[in-house]
Amino acid sequence: MPAEAEAVPALPFKVSTLIYVTNPAGEVLLLRRRKAPNQGLWSAIGGKLEMVRGESPYEAAMRETGEEIGLELADGDLHLFAMIAEKNYEGSVHWLMFLFHCRNTLDTLPPPMDEGEFRFFREEEVADLPIPETDRAILWPLYRNKRHAFTALRADCSPGAPPRCVVEETVEPR
């Protein structure tokens, strides 16, 4: 067993999606979260899989997009551009996240909801926003540079240290 595996605490394991949606101008929709995780921070929309129903990551992303911003999607409207396993996030949970780029654009800003408020941002504005550290260090560079490819990653997100990430595989578009 690798030494790093021995140091990882036993924590709950959750599976979720993040969906990056843009408007026709190419600005990315973000949610300023009112709830944990990432309370008070800006994040892409998304949510946990309904695993008891056997929901796939793609189905969860389609459902969450409809529930959170009212954008109804069909098969083929999303591109899975990354899968990341985050160990020890905030010292409380391990995450397996599936990241999607939405091929459809959203014309208007969705109204606020119980989870937070929405706003569109130009990609270059995101660096100055309060966002989760793993998003800043790993997910946004991946979105900017590899959203048309597919990348599998693993990250150690132990509190008190910068996130450490290993790219396990990248498949470039044909």
C-alpha atoms as a PDB file:
ATOM      1  CA  MET A   1       0.000   0.000   0.000  1.00  0.00           C
ATOM      2  CA  PRO A   2       1.462   3.443  -0.920  1.00  0.00           C
ATOM      3  CA  ALA A   3       2.421   5.623   2.058  1.00  0.00           C
ATOM      4  CA  GLU A   4      -0.040   8.350   0.980  1.00  0.00           C
ATOM      5  CA  ALA A   5      -2.938   5.866   1.113  1.00  0.00           C
ATOM      6  CA  GLU A   6      -2.131   5.021   4.735  1.00  0.00           C
ATOM      7  CA  ALA A   7      -2.398   8.702   5.767  1.00  0.00           C
ATOM      8  CA  VAL A   8      -5.881   9.225   4.248  1.00  0.00           C
ATOM      9  CA  PRO A   9      -8.582   9.121   6.922  1.00  0.00           C
ATOM     10  CA  ALA A  10     -11.698   6.971   6.652  1.00  0.00           C
ATOM     11  CA  LEU A  11     -14.440   9.443   5.653  1.00  0.00           C
ATOM     12  CA  PRO A  12     -17.813   9.374   3.887  1.00  0.00           C
ATOM     13  CA  PHE A  13     -17.551   9.068   0.104  1.00  0.00           C
ATOM     14  CA  LYS A  14     -19.911  11.131  -2.083  1.00  0.00           C
ATOM     15  CA  VAL A  15     -20.430  11.232  -5.851  1.00  0.00           C
ATOM     16  CA  SER A  16     -21.427  14.469  -7.562  1.00  0.00           C
ATOM     17  CA  THR A  17     -21.514  16.491 -10.743  1.00  0.00           C
ATOM     18  CA  LEU A  18     -20.467  20.012 -11.657  1.00  0.00           C
ATOM     19  CA  ILE A  19     -21.902  21.610 -14.785  1.00  0.00           C
ATOM     20  CA  TYR A  20     -20.270  24.567 -16.502  1.00  0.00           C
ATOM     21  CA  VAL A  21     -22.946  26.548 -18.369  1.00  0.00           C
ATOM     22  CA  THR A  22     -22.290  29.664 -20.435  1.00  0.00           C
ATOM     23  CA  ASN A  23     -24.397  32.443 -21.928  1.00  0.00           C
ATOM     24  CA  PRO A  24     -24.191  33.376 -25.639  1.00  0.00           C
ATOM     25  CA  ALA A  25     -21.338  35.815 -24.820  1.00  0.00           C
ATOM     26  CA  GLY A  26     -19.270  32.907 -23.411  1.00  0.00           C
ATOM     27  CA  GLU A  27     -19.533  34.008 -19.784  1.00  0.00           C
ATOM     28  CA  VAL A  28     -19.723  31.165 -17.247  1.00  0.00           C
ATOM     29  CA  LEU A  29     -22.652  30.841 -14.843  1.00  0.00           C
ATOM     30  CA  LEU A  30     -21.663  30.505 -11.187  1.00  0.00           C
ATOM     31  CA  LEU A  31     -23.638  30.078  -7.981  1.00  0.00           C
ATOM     32  CA  ARG A  32     -22.667  31.868  -4.770  1.00  0.00           C
ATOM     33  CA  ARG A  33     -23.458  29.103  -2.303  1.00  0.00           C
ATOM     34  CA  ARG A  34     -25.526  29.741   0.812  1.00  0.00           C
ATOM     35  CA  LYS A  35     -24.927  26.219   2.147  1.00  0.00           C
ATOM     36  CA  ALA A  36     -22.006  23.882   2.811  1.00  0.00           C
ATOM     37  CA  PRO A  37     -19.919  22.712   1.185  1.00  0.00           C
ATOM     38  CA  ASN A  38     -18.255  25.896  -0.019  1.00  0.00           C
ATOM     39  CA  GLN A  39     -20.676  28.264   1.724  1.00  0.00           C
ATOM     40  CA  GLY A  40     -20.129  31.854   0.572  1.00  0.00           C
ATOM     41  CA  LEU A  41     -17.987  30.803  -2.391  1.00  0.00           C
ATOM     42  CA  TRP A  42     -18.737  30.876  -6.116  1.00  0.00           C
ATOM     43  CA  SER A  43     -19.034  27.487  -7.809  1.00  0.00           C
ATOM     44  CA  ALA A  44     -20.416  25.841 -10.924  1.00  0.00           C
ATOM     45  CA  ILE A  45     -23.889  24.353 -10.538  1.00  0.00           C
ATOM     46  CA  GLY A  46     -24.313  20.687  -9.756  1.00  0.00           C
ATOM     47  CA  GLY A  47     -25.161  18.210  -7.062  1.00  0.00           C
ATOM     48  CA  LYS A  48     -24.993  14.683  -5.750  1.00  0.00           C
ATOM     49  CA  LEU A  49     -26.120  11.607  -7.649  1.00  0.00           C
ATOM     50  CA  GLU A  50     -29.315   9.911  -6.514  1.00  0.00           C
ATOM     51  CA  MET A  51     -27.488   6.619  -6.133  1.00  0.00           C
ATOM     52  CA  VAL A  52     -30.419   4.714  -4.608  1.00  0.00           C
ATOM     53  CA  ARG A  53     -32.192   5.239  -7.969  1.00  0.00           C
ATOM     54  CA  GLY A  54     -29.131   4.121  -9.939  1.00  0.00           C
ATOM     55  CA  GLU A  55     -28.743   7.584 -11.436  1.00  0.00           C
ATOM     56  CA  SER A  56     -25.726   7.961 -13.725  1.00  0.00           C
ATOM     57  CA  PRO A  57     -23.470  11.037 -13.547  1.00  0.00           C
ATOM     58  CA  TYR A  58     -24.879  12.203 -16.912  1.00  0.00           C
ATOM     59  CA  GLU A  59     -28.472  11.790 -15.685  1.00  0.00           C
ATOM     60  CA  ALA A  60     -27.627  13.667 -12.479  1.00  0.00           C
ATOM     61  CA  ALA A  61     -26.072  16.529 -14.450  1.00  0.00           C
ATOM     62  CA  MET A  62     -29.161  16.771 -16.673  1.00  0.00           C
ATOM     63  CA  ARG A  63     -31.476  16.692 -13.617  1.00  0.00           C
ATOM     64  CA  GLU A  64     -29.452  19.257 -11.649  1.00  0.00           C
ATOM     65  CA  THR A  65     -29.310  21.632 -14.631  1.00  0.00           C
ATOM     66  CA  GLY A  66     -33.099  21.512 -14.942  1.00  0.00           C
ATOM     67  CA  GLU A  67     -33.701  21.867 -11.193  1.00  0.00           C
ATOM     68  CA  GLU A  68     -31.203  24.640 -10.537  1.00  0.00           C
ATOM     69  CA  ILE A  69     -31.449  26.850 -13.618  1.00  0.00           C
ATOM     70  CA  GLY A  70     -34.480  25.590 -15.561  1.00  0.00           C
ATOM     71  CA  LEU A  71     -32.432  24.518 -18.591  1.00  0.00           C
ATOM     72  CA  GLU A  72     -33.899  21.261 -19.875  1.00  0.00           C
ATOM     73  CA  LEU A  73     -31.309  19.088 -21.603  1.00  0.00           C
ATOM     74  CA  ALA A  74     -31.415  16.089 -23.896  1.00  0.00           C
ATOM     75  CA  ASP A  75     -28.883  13.312 -24.403  1.00  0.00           C
ATOM     76  CA  GLY A  76     -25.870  14.800 -26.184  1.00  0.00           C
ATOM     77  CA  ASP A  77     -26.199  18.294 -24.660  1.00  0.00           C
ATOM     78  CA  LEU A  78     -23.369  17.704 -22.179  1.00  0.00           C
ATOM     79  CA  HIS A  79     -19.704  16.835 -22.630  1.00  0.00           C
ATOM     80  CA  LEU A  80     -17.967  15.002 -19.765  1.00  0.00           C
ATOM     81  CA  PHE A  81     -14.561  16.685 -19.686  1.00  0.00           C
ATOM     82  CA  ALA A  82     -13.189  15.465 -16.365  1.00  0.00           C
ATOM     83  CA  MET A  83     -13.490  13.064 -13.485  1.00  0.00           C
ATOM     84  CA  ILE A  84     -11.695  13.910 -10.257  1.00  0.00           C
ATOM     85  CA  ALA A  85     -11.372  11.979  -7.012  1.00  0.00           C
ATOM     86  CA  GLU A  86     -10.780  14.407  -4.149  1.00  0.00           C
ATOM     87  CA  LYS A  87      -9.489  12.825  -0.942  1.00  0.00           C
ATOM     88  CA  ASN A  88     -10.110  14.452   2.429  1.00  0.00           C
ATOM     89  CA  TYR A  89     -12.002  17.539   1.189  1.00  0.00           C
ATOM     90  CA  GLU A  90     -12.308  20.041   4.067  1.00  0.00           C
ATOM     91  CA  GLY A  91     -11.208  17.150   6.311  1.00  0.00           C
ATOM     92  CA  SER A  92     -14.721  15.718   6.212  1.00  0.00           C
ATOM     93  CA  VAL A  93     -15.460  13.831   2.987  1.00  0.00           C
ATOM     94  CA  HIS A  94     -14.009  12.160  -0.096  1.00  0.00           C
ATOM     95  CA  TRP A  95     -15.616  13.239  -3.404  1.00  0.00           C
ATOM     96  CA  LEU A  96     -15.779  11.643  -6.820  1.00  0.00           C
ATOM     97  CA  MET A  97     -16.868  14.445  -9.152  1.00  0.00           C
ATOM     98  CA  PHE A  98     -17.855  14.347 -12.793  1.00  0.00           C
ATOM     99  CA  LEU A  99     -17.369  17.674 -14.592  1.00  0.00           C
ATOM    100  CA  PHE A 100     -19.507  18.564 -17.590  1.00  0.00           C
ATOM    101  CA  HIS A 101     -19.446  21.373 -20.123  1.00  0.00           C
ATOM    102  CA  CYS A 102     -22.970  22.217 -21.299  1.00  0.00           C
ATOM    103  CA  ARG A 103     -23.190  22.572 -25.079  1.00  0.00           C
ATOM    104  CA  ASN A 104     -26.388  24.644 -24.774  1.00  0.00           C
ATOM    105  CA  THR A 105     -26.202  28.259 -23.675  1.00  0.00           C
ATOM    106  CA  LEU A 106     -28.412  30.025 -21.157  1.00  0.00           C
ATOM    107  CA  ASP A 107     -29.843  33.333 -22.368  1.00  0.00           C
ATOM    108  CA  THR A 108     -30.949  34.833 -19.045  1.00  0.00           C
ATOM    109  CA  LEU A 109     -29.720  34.840 -15.481  1.00  0.00           C
ATOM    110  CA  PRO A 110     -31.690  32.368 -13.330  1.00  0.00           C
ATOM    111  CA  PRO A 111     -33.473  33.767 -10.261  1.00  0.00           C
ATOM    112  CA  PRO A 112     -31.933  33.194  -6.822  1.00  0.00           C
ATOM    113  CA  MET A 113     -32.849  29.932  -5.089  1.00  0.00           C
ATOM    114  CA  ASP A 114     -32.439  28.436  -1.629  1.00  0.00           C
ATOM    115  CA  GLU A 115     -28.873  27.281  -2.441  1.00  0.00           C
ATOM    116  CA  GLY A 116     -27.719  30.746  -3.540  1.00  0.00           C
ATOM    117  CA  GLU A 117     -27.624  33.455  -6.162  1.00  0.00           C
ATOM    118  CA  PHE A 118     -26.373  33.301  -9.758  1.00  0.00           C
ATOM    119  CA  ARG A 119     -24.164  35.517 -11.872  1.00  0.00           C
ATOM    120  CA  PHE A 120     -22.328  35.228 -15.182  1.00  0.00           C
ATOM    121  CA  PHE A 121     -18.570  35.872 -15.214  1.00  0.00           C
ATOM    122  CA  ARG A 122     -15.956  36.181 -17.929  1.00  0.00           C
ATOM    123  CA  GLU A 123     -13.348  33.438 -17.485  1.00  0.00           C
ATOM    124  CA  GLU A 124     -10.628  35.966 -16.651  1.00  0.00           C
ATOM    125  CA  GLU A 125     -12.763  37.345 -13.767  1.00  0.00           C
ATOM    126  CA  VAL A 126     -12.918  33.971 -11.981  1.00  0.00           C
ATOM    127  CA  ALA A 127      -9.344  34.255 -10.675  1.00  0.00           C
ATOM    128  CA  ASP A 128     -10.359  37.246  -8.536  1.00  0.00           C
ATOM    129  CA  LEU A 129     -13.488  35.620  -7.061  1.00  0.00           C
ATOM    130  CA  PRO A 130     -13.822  33.813  -3.738  1.00  0.00           C
ATOM    131  CA  ILE A 131     -13.881  30.217  -5.027  1.00  0.00           C
ATOM    132  CA  PRO A 132     -12.903  26.880  -3.453  1.00  0.00           C
ATOM    133  CA  GLU A 133      -9.128  26.397  -3.442  1.00  0.00           C
ATOM    134  CA  THR A 134      -9.370  23.125  -5.369  1.00  0.00           C
ATOM    135  CA  ASP A 135     -11.411  24.931  -8.031  1.00  0.00           C
ATOM    136  CA  ARG A 136      -8.747  27.646  -8.284  1.00  0.00           C
ATOM    137  CA  ALA A 137      -5.789  25.257  -8.367  1.00  0.00           C
ATOM    138  CA  ILE A 138      -7.236  22.386 -10.378  1.00  0.00           C
ATOM    139  CA  LEU A 139     -10.738  22.698 -11.830  1.00  0.00           C
ATOM    140  CA  TRP A 140     -10.636  26.133 -13.470  1.00  0.00           C
ATOM    141  CA  PRO A 141      -7.321  25.562 -15.269  1.00  0.00           C
ATOM    142  CA  LEU A 142      -8.727  22.233 -16.426  1.00  0.00           C
ATOM    143  CA  TYR A 143     -11.940  23.883 -17.665  1.00  0.00           C
ATOM    144  CA  ARG A 144     -10.032  26.643 -19.484  1.00  0.00           C
ATOM    145  CA  ASN A 145      -7.528  24.334 -21.162  1.00  0.00           C
ATOM    146  CA  LYS A 146      -9.121  20.882 -21.481  1.00  0.00           C
ATOM    147  CA  ARG A 147     -12.920  21.283 -21.612  1.00  0.00           C
ATOM    148  CA  HIS A 148     -13.039  19.754 -25.108  1.00  0.00           C
ATOM    149  CA  ALA A 149     -10.925  16.740 -24.055  1.00  0.00           C
ATOM    150  CA  PHE A 150     -11.312  14.251 -21.190  1.00  0.00           C
ATOM    151  CA  THR A 151      -9.073  14.120 -18.131  1.00  0.00           C
ATOM    152  CA  ALA A 152      -9.108  11.817 -15.107  1.00  0.00           C
ATOM    153  CA  LEU A 153      -7.428  13.146 -11.959  1.00  0.00           C
ATOM    154  CA  ARG A 154      -6.965  12.449  -8.293  1.00  0.00           C
ATOM    155  CA  ALA A 155      -6.279  15.081  -5.664  1.00  0.00           C
ATOM    156  CA  ASP A 156      -5.293  15.181  -2.025  1.00  0.00           C
ATOM    157  CA  CYS A 157      -7.248  18.047  -0.473  1.00  0.00           C
ATOM    158  CA  SER A 158      -6.061  17.646   3.119  1.00  0.00           C
ATOM    159  CA  PRO A 159      -6.692  20.773   5.195  1.00  0.00           C
ATOM    160  CA  GLY A 160      -3.724  23.015   5.870  1.00  0.00           C
ATOM    161  CA  ALA A 161      -1.916  22.137   2.652  1.00  0.00           C
ATOM    162  CA  PRO A 162      -2.358  23.185  -0.959  1.00  0.00           C
ATOM    163  CA  PRO A 163      -4.261  20.613  -3.028  1.00  0.00           C
ATOM    164  CA  ARG A 164      -1.945  18.073  -4.639  1.00  0.00           C
ATOM    165  CA  CYS A 165      -3.141  16.696  -7.940  1.00  0.00           C
ATOM    166  CA  VAL A 166      -2.105  13.821 -10.189  1.00  0.00           C
ATOM    167  CA  VAL A 167      -3.359  13.585 -13.768  1.00  0.00           C
ATOM    168  CA  GLU A 168      -4.129   9.932 -14.338  1.00  0.00           C
ATOM    169  CA  GLU A 169      -5.107  10.191 -18.000  1.00  0.00           C
ATOM    170  CA  THR A 170      -5.947  12.773 -20.648  1.00  0.00           C
ATOM    171  CA  VAL A 171      -7.661  11.965 -23.922  1.00  0.00           C
ATOM    172  CA  GLU A 172      -7.507  14.761 -26.490  1.00  0.00           C
ATOM    173  CA  PRO A 173     -10.361  15.306 -28.961  1.00  0.00           C
ATOM    174  CA  ARG A 174      -9.982  13.618 -32.328  1.00  0.00           C
END
